[in-house]
Amino acid sequence: TFIWEGKDKTGKIVRGEMRCASEAVVNTTL
């Protein structure tokens, strides 16, 4: 389980969780 934080298309900060095999998969999916 990875906890992530990012920005959507409008620049708004969004947060969430994702269950993946690696951090690279999380970045790609986001």
PDB file of all heavy atoms in Angstrom:
ATOM      1  N   THR A   1       0.851  -1.193   0.000  1.00  0.00           N
ATOM      2  CA  THR A   1       0.000   0.000   0.000  1.00  0.00           C
ATOM      3  C   THR A   1       0.884   1.239   0.000  1.00  0.00           C
ATOM      4  O   THR A   1       1.753   1.390   0.859  1.00  0.00           O
ATOM      5  CB  THR A   1      -0.921   0.009   1.223  1.00  0.00           C
ATOM      6  OG1 THR A   1      -1.742  -1.166   1.213  1.00  0.00           O
ATOM      7  CG2 THR A   1      -1.816   1.242   1.220  1.00  0.00           C
ATOM      8  N   PHE A   2       0.663   2.115  -0.999  1.00  0.00           N
ATOM      9  CA  PHE A   2       1.431   3.355  -1.117  1.00  0.00           C
ATOM     10  C   PHE A   2       0.516   4.546  -0.844  1.00  0.00           C
ATOM     11  O   PHE A   2      -0.634   4.580  -1.302  1.00  0.00           O
ATOM     12  CB  PHE A   2       2.031   3.493  -2.522  1.00  0.00           C
ATOM     13  CG  PHE A   2       3.129   2.505  -2.812  1.00  0.00           C
ATOM     14  CD1 PHE A   2       2.828   1.259  -3.331  1.00  0.00           C
ATOM     15  CD2 PHE A   2       4.453   2.820  -2.565  1.00  0.00           C
ATOM     16  CE1 PHE A   2       3.829   0.327  -3.598  1.00  0.00           C
ATOM     17  CE2 PHE A   2       5.457   1.915  -2.829  1.00  0.00           C
ATOM     18  CZ  PHE A   2       5.153   0.666  -3.346  1.00  0.00           C
ATOM     19  N   ILE A   3       1.020   5.490  -0.095  1.00  0.00           N
ATOM     20  CA  ILE A   3       0.311   6.742   0.166  1.00  0.00           C
ATOM     21  C   ILE A   3       0.900   7.799  -0.760  1.00  0.00           C
ATOM     22  O   ILE A   3       2.119   8.011  -0.761  1.00  0.00           O
ATOM     23  CB  ILE A   3       0.456   7.162   1.634  1.00  0.00           C
ATOM     24  CG1 ILE A   3      -0.099   6.072   2.551  1.00  0.00           C
ATOM     25  CG2 ILE A   3      -0.251   8.488   1.895  1.00  0.00           C
ATOM     26  CD1 ILE A   3       0.149   6.334   4.026  1.00  0.00           C
ATOM     27  N   TRP A   4       0.052   8.424  -1.570  1.00  0.00           N
ATOM     28  CA  TRP A   4       0.561   9.369  -2.560  1.00  0.00           C
ATOM     29  C   TRP A   4      -0.081  10.741  -2.395  1.00  0.00           C
ATOM     30  O   TRP A   4      -1.155  10.887  -1.815  1.00  0.00           O
ATOM     31  CB  TRP A   4       0.351   8.853  -3.984  1.00  0.00           C
ATOM     32  CG  TRP A   4      -1.091   8.550  -4.327  1.00  0.00           C
ATOM     33  CD1 TRP A   4      -1.715   7.349  -4.263  1.00  0.00           C
ATOM     34  CD2 TRP A   4      -2.077   9.484  -4.790  1.00  0.00           C
ATOM     35  NE1 TRP A   4      -3.023   7.454  -4.648  1.00  0.00           N
ATOM     36  CE2 TRP A   4      -3.274   8.755  -4.985  1.00  0.00           C
ATOM     37  CE3 TRP A   4      -2.073  10.849  -5.066  1.00  0.00           C
ATOM     38  CZ2 TRP A   4      -4.438   9.355  -5.444  1.00  0.00           C
ATOM     39  CZ3 TRP A   4      -3.240  11.456  -5.512  1.00  0.00           C
ATOM     40  CH2 TRP A   4      -4.404  10.699  -5.699  1.00  0.00           C
ATOM     41  N   GLU A   5       0.620  11.714  -2.927  1.00  0.00           N
ATOM     42  CA  GLU A   5       0.126  13.098  -2.961  1.00  0.00           C
ATOM     43  C   GLU A   5       0.515  13.682  -4.312  1.00  0.00           C
ATOM     44  O   GLU A   5       1.638  13.484  -4.792  1.00  0.00           O
ATOM     45  CB  GLU A   5       0.746  13.905  -1.828  1.00  0.00           C
ATOM     46  CG  GLU A   5       0.274  15.353  -1.775  1.00  0.00           C
ATOM     47  CD  GLU A   5       0.887  16.119  -0.624  1.00  0.00           C
ATOM     48  OE1 GLU A   5       1.029  15.522   0.471  1.00  0.00           O
ATOM     49  OE2 GLU A   5       1.235  17.299  -0.823  1.00  0.00           O
ATOM     50  N   GLY A   6      -0.409  14.384  -4.954  1.00  0.00           N
ATOM     51  CA  GLY A   6      -0.133  14.936  -6.262  1.00  0.00           C
ATOM     52  C   GLY A   6      -1.027  16.124  -6.595  1.00  0.00           C
ATOM     53  O   GLY A   6      -1.805  16.593  -5.749  1.00  0.00           O
ATOM     54  N   LYS A   7      -0.907  16.600  -7.848  1.00  0.00           N
ATOM     55  CA  LYS A   7      -1.708  17.728  -8.320  1.00  0.00           C
ATOM     56  C   LYS A   7      -2.507  17.288  -9.542  1.00  0.00           C
ATOM     57  O   LYS A   7      -1.969  16.623 -10.439  1.00  0.00           O
ATOM     58  CB  LYS A   7      -0.814  18.909  -8.693  1.00  0.00           C
ATOM     59  CG  LYS A   7      -0.067  19.513  -7.511  1.00  0.00           C
ATOM     60  CD  LYS A   7       0.776  20.703  -7.942  1.00  0.00           C
ATOM     61  CE  LYS A   7       1.522  21.324  -6.774  1.00  0.00           C
ATOM     62  NZ  LYS A   7       2.339  22.487  -7.189  1.00  0.00           N
ATOM     63  N   ASP A   8      -3.797  17.674  -9.545  1.00  0.00           N
ATOM     64  CA  ASP A   8      -4.608  17.336 -10.709  1.00  0.00           C
ATOM     65  C   ASP A   8      -4.405  18.391 -11.802  1.00  0.00           C
ATOM     66  O   ASP A   8      -3.524  19.271 -11.702  1.00  0.00           O
ATOM     67  CB  ASP A   8      -6.083  17.203 -10.318  1.00  0.00           C
ATOM     68  CG  ASP A   8      -6.651  18.484  -9.730  1.00  0.00           C
ATOM     69  OD1 ASP A   8      -5.963  19.534  -9.805  1.00  0.00           O
ATOM     70  OD2 ASP A   8      -7.778  18.440  -9.199  1.00  0.00           O
ATOM     71  N   LYS A   9      -5.222  18.342 -12.858  1.00  0.00           N
ATOM     72  CA  LYS A   9      -5.048  19.241 -14.001  1.00  0.00           C
ATOM     73  C   LYS A   9      -5.264  20.703 -13.654  1.00  0.00           C
ATOM     74  O   LYS A   9      -4.750  21.602 -14.332  1.00  0.00           O
ATOM     75  CB  LYS A   9      -6.008  18.827 -15.118  1.00  0.00           C
ATOM     76  CG  LYS A   9      -5.697  17.442 -15.675  1.00  0.00           C
ATOM     77  CD  LYS A   9      -6.696  17.042 -16.740  1.00  0.00           C
ATOM     78  CE  LYS A   9      -6.385  15.661 -17.294  1.00  0.00           C
ATOM     79  NZ  LYS A   9      -7.358  15.225 -18.322  1.00  0.00           N
ATOM     80  N   THR A  10      -6.048  20.945 -12.577  1.00  0.00           N
ATOM     81  CA  THR A  10      -6.304  22.334 -12.172  1.00  0.00           C
ATOM     82  C   THR A  10      -5.279  22.842 -11.165  1.00  0.00           C
ATOM     83  O   THR A  10      -5.371  23.981 -10.711  1.00  0.00           O
ATOM     84  CB  THR A  10      -7.718  22.449 -11.567  1.00  0.00           C
ATOM     85  OG1 THR A  10      -7.790  21.620 -10.379  1.00  0.00           O
ATOM     86  CG2 THR A  10      -8.773  21.983 -12.557  1.00  0.00           C
ATOM     87  N   GLY A  11      -4.329  21.989 -10.787  1.00  0.00           N
ATOM     88  CA  GLY A  11      -3.320  22.378  -9.810  1.00  0.00           C
ATOM     89  C   GLY A  11      -3.722  22.142  -8.374  1.00  0.00           C
ATOM     90  O   GLY A  11      -2.997  22.507  -7.443  1.00  0.00           O
ATOM     91  N   LYS A  12      -4.874  21.511  -8.168  1.00  0.00           N
ATOM     92  CA  LYS A  12      -5.353  21.234  -6.817  1.00  0.00           C
ATOM     93  C   LYS A  12      -4.606  20.041  -6.223  1.00  0.00           C
ATOM     94  O   LYS A  12      -4.362  19.053  -6.910  1.00  0.00           O
ATOM     95  CB  LYS A  12      -6.860  20.956  -6.856  1.00  0.00           C
ATOM     96  CG  LYS A  12      -7.476  20.702  -5.494  1.00  0.00           C
ATOM     97  CD  LYS A  12      -8.958  20.403  -5.630  1.00  0.00           C
ATOM     98  CE  LYS A  12      -9.575  20.069  -4.282  1.00  0.00           C
ATOM     99  NZ  LYS A  12     -11.012  19.728  -4.400  1.00  0.00           N
ATOM    100  N   ILE A  13      -4.256  20.147  -4.933  1.00  0.00           N
ATOM    101  CA  ILE A  13      -3.562  19.057  -4.248  1.00  0.00           C
ATOM    102  C   ILE A  13      -4.561  17.934  -3.951  1.00  0.00           C
ATOM    103  O   ILE A  13      -5.625  18.167  -3.357  1.00  0.00           O
ATOM    104  CB  ILE A  13      -2.917  19.538  -2.938  1.00  0.00           C
ATOM    105  CG1 ILE A  13      -1.854  20.604  -3.226  1.00  0.00           C
ATOM    106  CG2 ILE A  13      -2.294  18.370  -2.174  1.00  0.00           C
ATOM    107  CD1 ILE A  13      -0.650  20.075  -3.966  1.00  0.00           C
ATOM    108  N   VAL A  14      -4.235  16.732  -4.377  1.00  0.00           N
ATOM    109  CA  VAL A  14      -5.070  15.565  -4.106  1.00  0.00           C
ATOM    110  C   VAL A  14      -4.205  14.506  -3.435  1.00  0.00           C
ATOM    111  O   VAL A  14      -2.998  14.406  -3.677  1.00  0.00           O
ATOM    112  CB  VAL A  14      -5.713  15.002  -5.394  1.00  0.00           C
ATOM    113  CG1 VAL A  14      -6.777  15.935  -5.921  1.00  0.00           C
ATOM    114  CG2 VAL A  14      -4.657  14.732  -6.453  1.00  0.00           C
ATOM    115  N   ARG A  15      -4.825  13.704  -2.595  1.00  0.00           N
ATOM    116  CA  ARG A  15      -4.123  12.651  -1.868  1.00  0.00           C
ATOM    117  C   ARG A  15      -4.925  11.358  -1.942  1.00  0.00           C
ATOM    118  O   ARG A  15      -6.128  11.380  -2.183  1.00  0.00           O
ATOM    119  CB  ARG A  15      -3.910  13.035  -0.394  1.00  0.00           C
ATOM    120  CG  ARG A  15      -3.087  14.293  -0.205  1.00  0.00           C
ATOM    121  CD  ARG A  15      -2.969  14.625   1.272  1.00  0.00           C
ATOM    122  NE  ARG A  15      -2.204  15.857   1.493  1.00  0.00           N
ATOM    123  CZ  ARG A  15      -2.712  17.073   1.487  1.00  0.00           C
ATOM    124  NH1 ARG A  15      -4.020  17.231   1.247  1.00  0.00           N
ATOM    125  NH2 ARG A  15      -1.941  18.124   1.697  1.00  0.00           N
ATOM    126  N   GLY A  16      -4.256  10.252  -1.710  1.00  0.00           N
ATOM    127  CA  GLY A  16      -4.952   8.980  -1.734  1.00  0.00           C
ATOM    128  C   GLY A  16      -4.014   7.822  -1.446  1.00  0.00           C
ATOM    129  O   GLY A  16      -2.846   8.003  -1.090  1.00  0.00           O
ATOM    130  N   GLU A  17      -4.543   6.629  -1.601  1.00  0.00           N
ATOM    131  CA  GLU A  17      -3.784   5.405  -1.399  1.00  0.00           C
ATOM    132  C   GLU A  17      -3.941   4.514  -2.612  1.00  0.00           C
ATOM    133  O   GLU A  17      -4.966   4.546  -3.301  1.00  0.00           O
ATOM    134  CB  GLU A  17      -4.273   4.658  -0.149  1.00  0.00           C
ATOM    135  CG  GLU A  17      -4.032   5.389   1.150  1.00  0.00           C
ATOM    136  CD  GLU A  17      -4.534   4.590   2.340  1.00  0.00           C
ATOM    137  OE1 GLU A  17      -5.026   3.456   2.117  1.00  0.00           O
ATOM    138  OE2 GLU A  17      -4.438   5.081   3.475  1.00  0.00           O
ATOM    139  N   MET A  18      -2.938   3.686  -2.861  1.00  0.00           N
ATOM    140  CA  MET A  18      -2.991   2.760  -3.989  1.00  0.00           C
ATOM    141  C   MET A  18      -2.182   1.525  -3.615  1.00  0.00           C
ATOM    142  O   MET A  18      -1.105   1.630  -3.022  1.00  0.00           O
ATOM    143  CB  MET A  18      -2.426   3.410  -5.251  1.00  0.00           C
ATOM    144  CG  MET A  18      -2.574   2.551  -6.500  1.00  0.00           C
ATOM    145  SD  MET A  18      -1.878   3.360  -7.966  1.00  0.00           S
ATOM    146  CE  MET A  18      -2.884   4.839  -8.060  1.00  0.00           C
ATOM    147  N   ARG A  19      -2.715   0.375  -3.968  1.00  0.00           N
ATOM    148  CA  ARG A  19      -2.015  -0.879  -3.691  1.00  0.00           C
ATOM    149  C   ARG A  19      -1.395  -1.394  -4.982  1.00  0.00           C
ATOM    150  O   ARG A  19      -2.100  -1.761  -5.919  1.00  0.00           O
ATOM    151  CB  ARG A  19      -2.970  -1.902  -3.095  1.00  0.00           C
ATOM    152  CG  ARG A  19      -2.257  -3.121  -2.533  1.00  0.00           C
ATOM    153  CD  ARG A  19      -3.147  -3.915  -1.600  1.00  0.00           C
ATOM    154  NE  ARG A  19      -2.449  -5.064  -1.065  1.00  0.00           N
ATOM    155  CZ  ARG A  19      -1.629  -5.043  -0.030  1.00  0.00           C
ATOM    156  NH1 ARG A  19      -1.437  -3.902   0.607  1.00  0.00           N
ATOM    157  NH2 ARG A  19      -1.019  -6.128   0.398  1.00  0.00           N
ATOM    158  N   CYS A  20      -0.074  -1.378  -5.037  1.00  0.00           N
ATOM    159  CA  CYS A  20       0.656  -1.787  -6.239  1.00  0.00           C
ATOM    160  C   CYS A  20       1.919  -2.528  -5.832  1.00  0.00           C
ATOM    161  O   CYS A  20       2.268  -2.628  -4.652  1.00  0.00           O
ATOM    162  CB  CYS A  20       1.021  -0.570  -7.087  1.00  0.00           C
ATOM    163  SG  CYS A  20      -0.404   0.270  -7.799  1.00  0.00           S
ATOM    164  N   ALA A  21       2.610  -3.020  -6.863  1.00  0.00           N
ATOM    165  CA  ALA A  21       3.828  -3.787  -6.608  1.00  0.00           C
ATOM    166  C   ALA A  21       5.024  -2.888  -6.343  1.00  0.00           C
ATOM    167  O   ALA A  21       5.954  -3.278  -5.636  1.00  0.00           O
ATOM    168  CB  ALA A  21       4.119  -4.713  -7.784  1.00  0.00           C
ATOM    169  N   SER A  22       5.040  -1.676  -6.906  1.00  0.00           N
ATOM    170  CA  SER A  22       6.198  -0.803  -6.734  1.00  0.00           C
ATOM    171  C   SER A  22       5.774   0.658  -6.864  1.00  0.00           C
ATOM    172  O   SER A  22       4.673   0.976  -7.324  1.00  0.00           O
ATOM    173  CB  SER A  22       7.279  -1.126  -7.768  1.00  0.00           C
ATOM    174  OG  SER A  22       6.824  -0.815  -9.068  1.00  0.00           O
ATOM    175  N   GLU A  23       6.693   1.538  -6.497  1.00  0.00           N
ATOM    176  CA  GLU A  23       6.426   2.977  -6.579  1.00  0.00           C
ATOM    177  C   GLU A  23       6.296   3.427  -8.021  1.00  0.00           C
ATOM    178  O   GLU A  23       5.516   4.344  -8.335  1.00  0.00           O
ATOM    179  CB  GLU A  23       7.563   3.726  -5.876  1.00  0.00           C
ATOM    180  CG  GLU A  23       7.359   5.226  -5.777  1.00  0.00           C
ATOM    181  CD  GLU A  23       8.460   5.903  -4.995  1.00  0.00           C
ATOM    182  OE1 GLU A  23       9.058   5.254  -4.105  1.00  0.00           O
ATOM    183  OE2 GLU A  23       8.721   7.089  -5.284  1.00  0.00           O
ATOM    184  N   ALA A  24       7.040   2.784  -8.933  1.00  0.00           N
ATOM    185  CA  ALA A  24       6.978   3.148 -10.350  1.00  0.00           C
ATOM    186  C   ALA A  24       5.586   2.902 -10.925  1.00  0.00           C
ATOM    187  O   ALA A  24       5.085   3.695 -11.735  1.00  0.00           O
ATOM    188  CB  ALA A  24       8.026   2.360 -11.136  1.00  0.00           C
ATOM    189  N   VAL A  25       4.954   1.804 -10.489  1.00  0.00           N
ATOM    190  CA  VAL A  25       3.601   1.508 -10.969  1.00  0.00           C
ATOM    191  C   VAL A  25       2.626   2.575 -10.489  1.00  0.00           C
ATOM    192  O   VAL A  25       1.717   2.992 -11.227  1.00  0.00           O
ATOM    193  CB  VAL A  25       3.160   0.101 -10.501  1.00  0.00           C
ATOM    194  CG1 VAL A  25       1.728  -0.190 -10.943  1.00  0.00           C
ATOM    195  CG2 VAL A  25       4.102  -0.962 -11.027  1.00  0.00           C
ATOM    196  N   VAL A  26       2.815   3.048  -9.261  1.00  0.00           N
ATOM    197  CA  VAL A  26       1.948   4.106  -8.721  1.00  0.00           C
ATOM    198  C   VAL A  26       2.086   5.375  -9.557  1.00  0.00           C
ATOM    199  O   VAL A  26       1.082   5.994  -9.958  1.00  0.00           O
ATOM    200  CB  VAL A  26       2.305   4.389  -7.245  1.00  0.00           C
ATOM    201  CG1 VAL A  26       1.439   5.530  -6.706  1.00  0.00           C
ATOM    202  CG2 VAL A  26       2.115   3.151  -6.401  1.00  0.00           C
ATOM    203  N   ASN A  27       3.321   5.771  -9.860  1.00  0.00           N
ATOM    204  CA  ASN A  27       3.551   6.980 -10.657  1.00  0.00           C
ATOM    205  C   ASN A  27       2.930   6.869 -12.041  1.00  0.00           C
ATOM    206  O   ASN A  27       2.289   7.803 -12.544  1.00  0.00           O
ATOM    207  CB  ASN A  27       5.052   7.242 -10.781  1.00  0.00           C
ATOM    208  CG  ASN A  27       5.671   7.692  -9.458  1.00  0.00           C
ATOM    209  OD1 ASN A  27       5.019   8.363  -8.660  1.00  0.00           O
ATOM    210  ND2 ASN A  27       6.919   7.321  -9.230  1.00  0.00           N
ATOM    211  N   THR A  28       3.094   5.691 -12.666  1.00  0.00           N
ATOM    212  CA  THR A  28       2.526   5.480 -14.007  1.00  0.00           C
ATOM    213  C   THR A  28       1.017   5.557 -13.990  1.00  0.00           C
ATOM    214  O   THR A  28       0.384   6.195 -14.846  1.00  0.00           O
ATOM    215  CB  THR A  28       2.988   4.124 -14.558  1.00  0.00           C
ATOM    216  OG1 THR A  28       4.418   4.072 -14.548  1.00  0.00           O
ATOM    217  CG2 THR A  28       2.470   3.906 -15.963  1.00  0.00           C
ATOM    218  N   THR A  29       0.407   4.892 -12.995  1.00  0.00           N
ATOM    219  CA  THR A  29      -1.056   4.873 -12.900  1.00  0.00           C
ATOM    220  C   THR A  29      -1.611   6.274 -12.657  1.00  0.00           C
ATOM    221  O   THR A  29      -2.631   6.672 -13.241  1.00  0.00           O
ATOM    222  CB  THR A  29      -1.500   3.927 -11.769  1.00  0.00           C
ATOM    223  OG1 THR A  29      -0.919   2.635 -11.967  1.00  0.00           O
ATOM    224  CG2 THR A  29      -3.008   3.797 -11.728  1.00  0.00           C
ATOM    225  N   LEU A  30      -0.946   7.044 -11.804  1.00  0.00           N
ATOM    226  CA  LEU A  30      -1.418   8.400 -11.512  1.00  0.00           C
ATOM    227  C   LEU A  30      -1.319   9.293 -12.746  1.00  0.00           C
ATOM    228  O   LEU A  30      -2.225  10.099 -13.020  1.00  0.00           O
ATOM    229  CB  LEU A  30      -0.612   8.998 -10.356  1.00  0.00           C
ATOM    230  CG  LEU A  30      -0.859   8.397  -8.964  1.00  0.00           C
ATOM    231  CD1 LEU A  30       0.095   8.997  -7.938  1.00  0.00           C
ATOM    232  CD2 LEU A  30      -2.303   8.630  -8.527  1.00  0.00           C
TER     233      LEU A  30
END
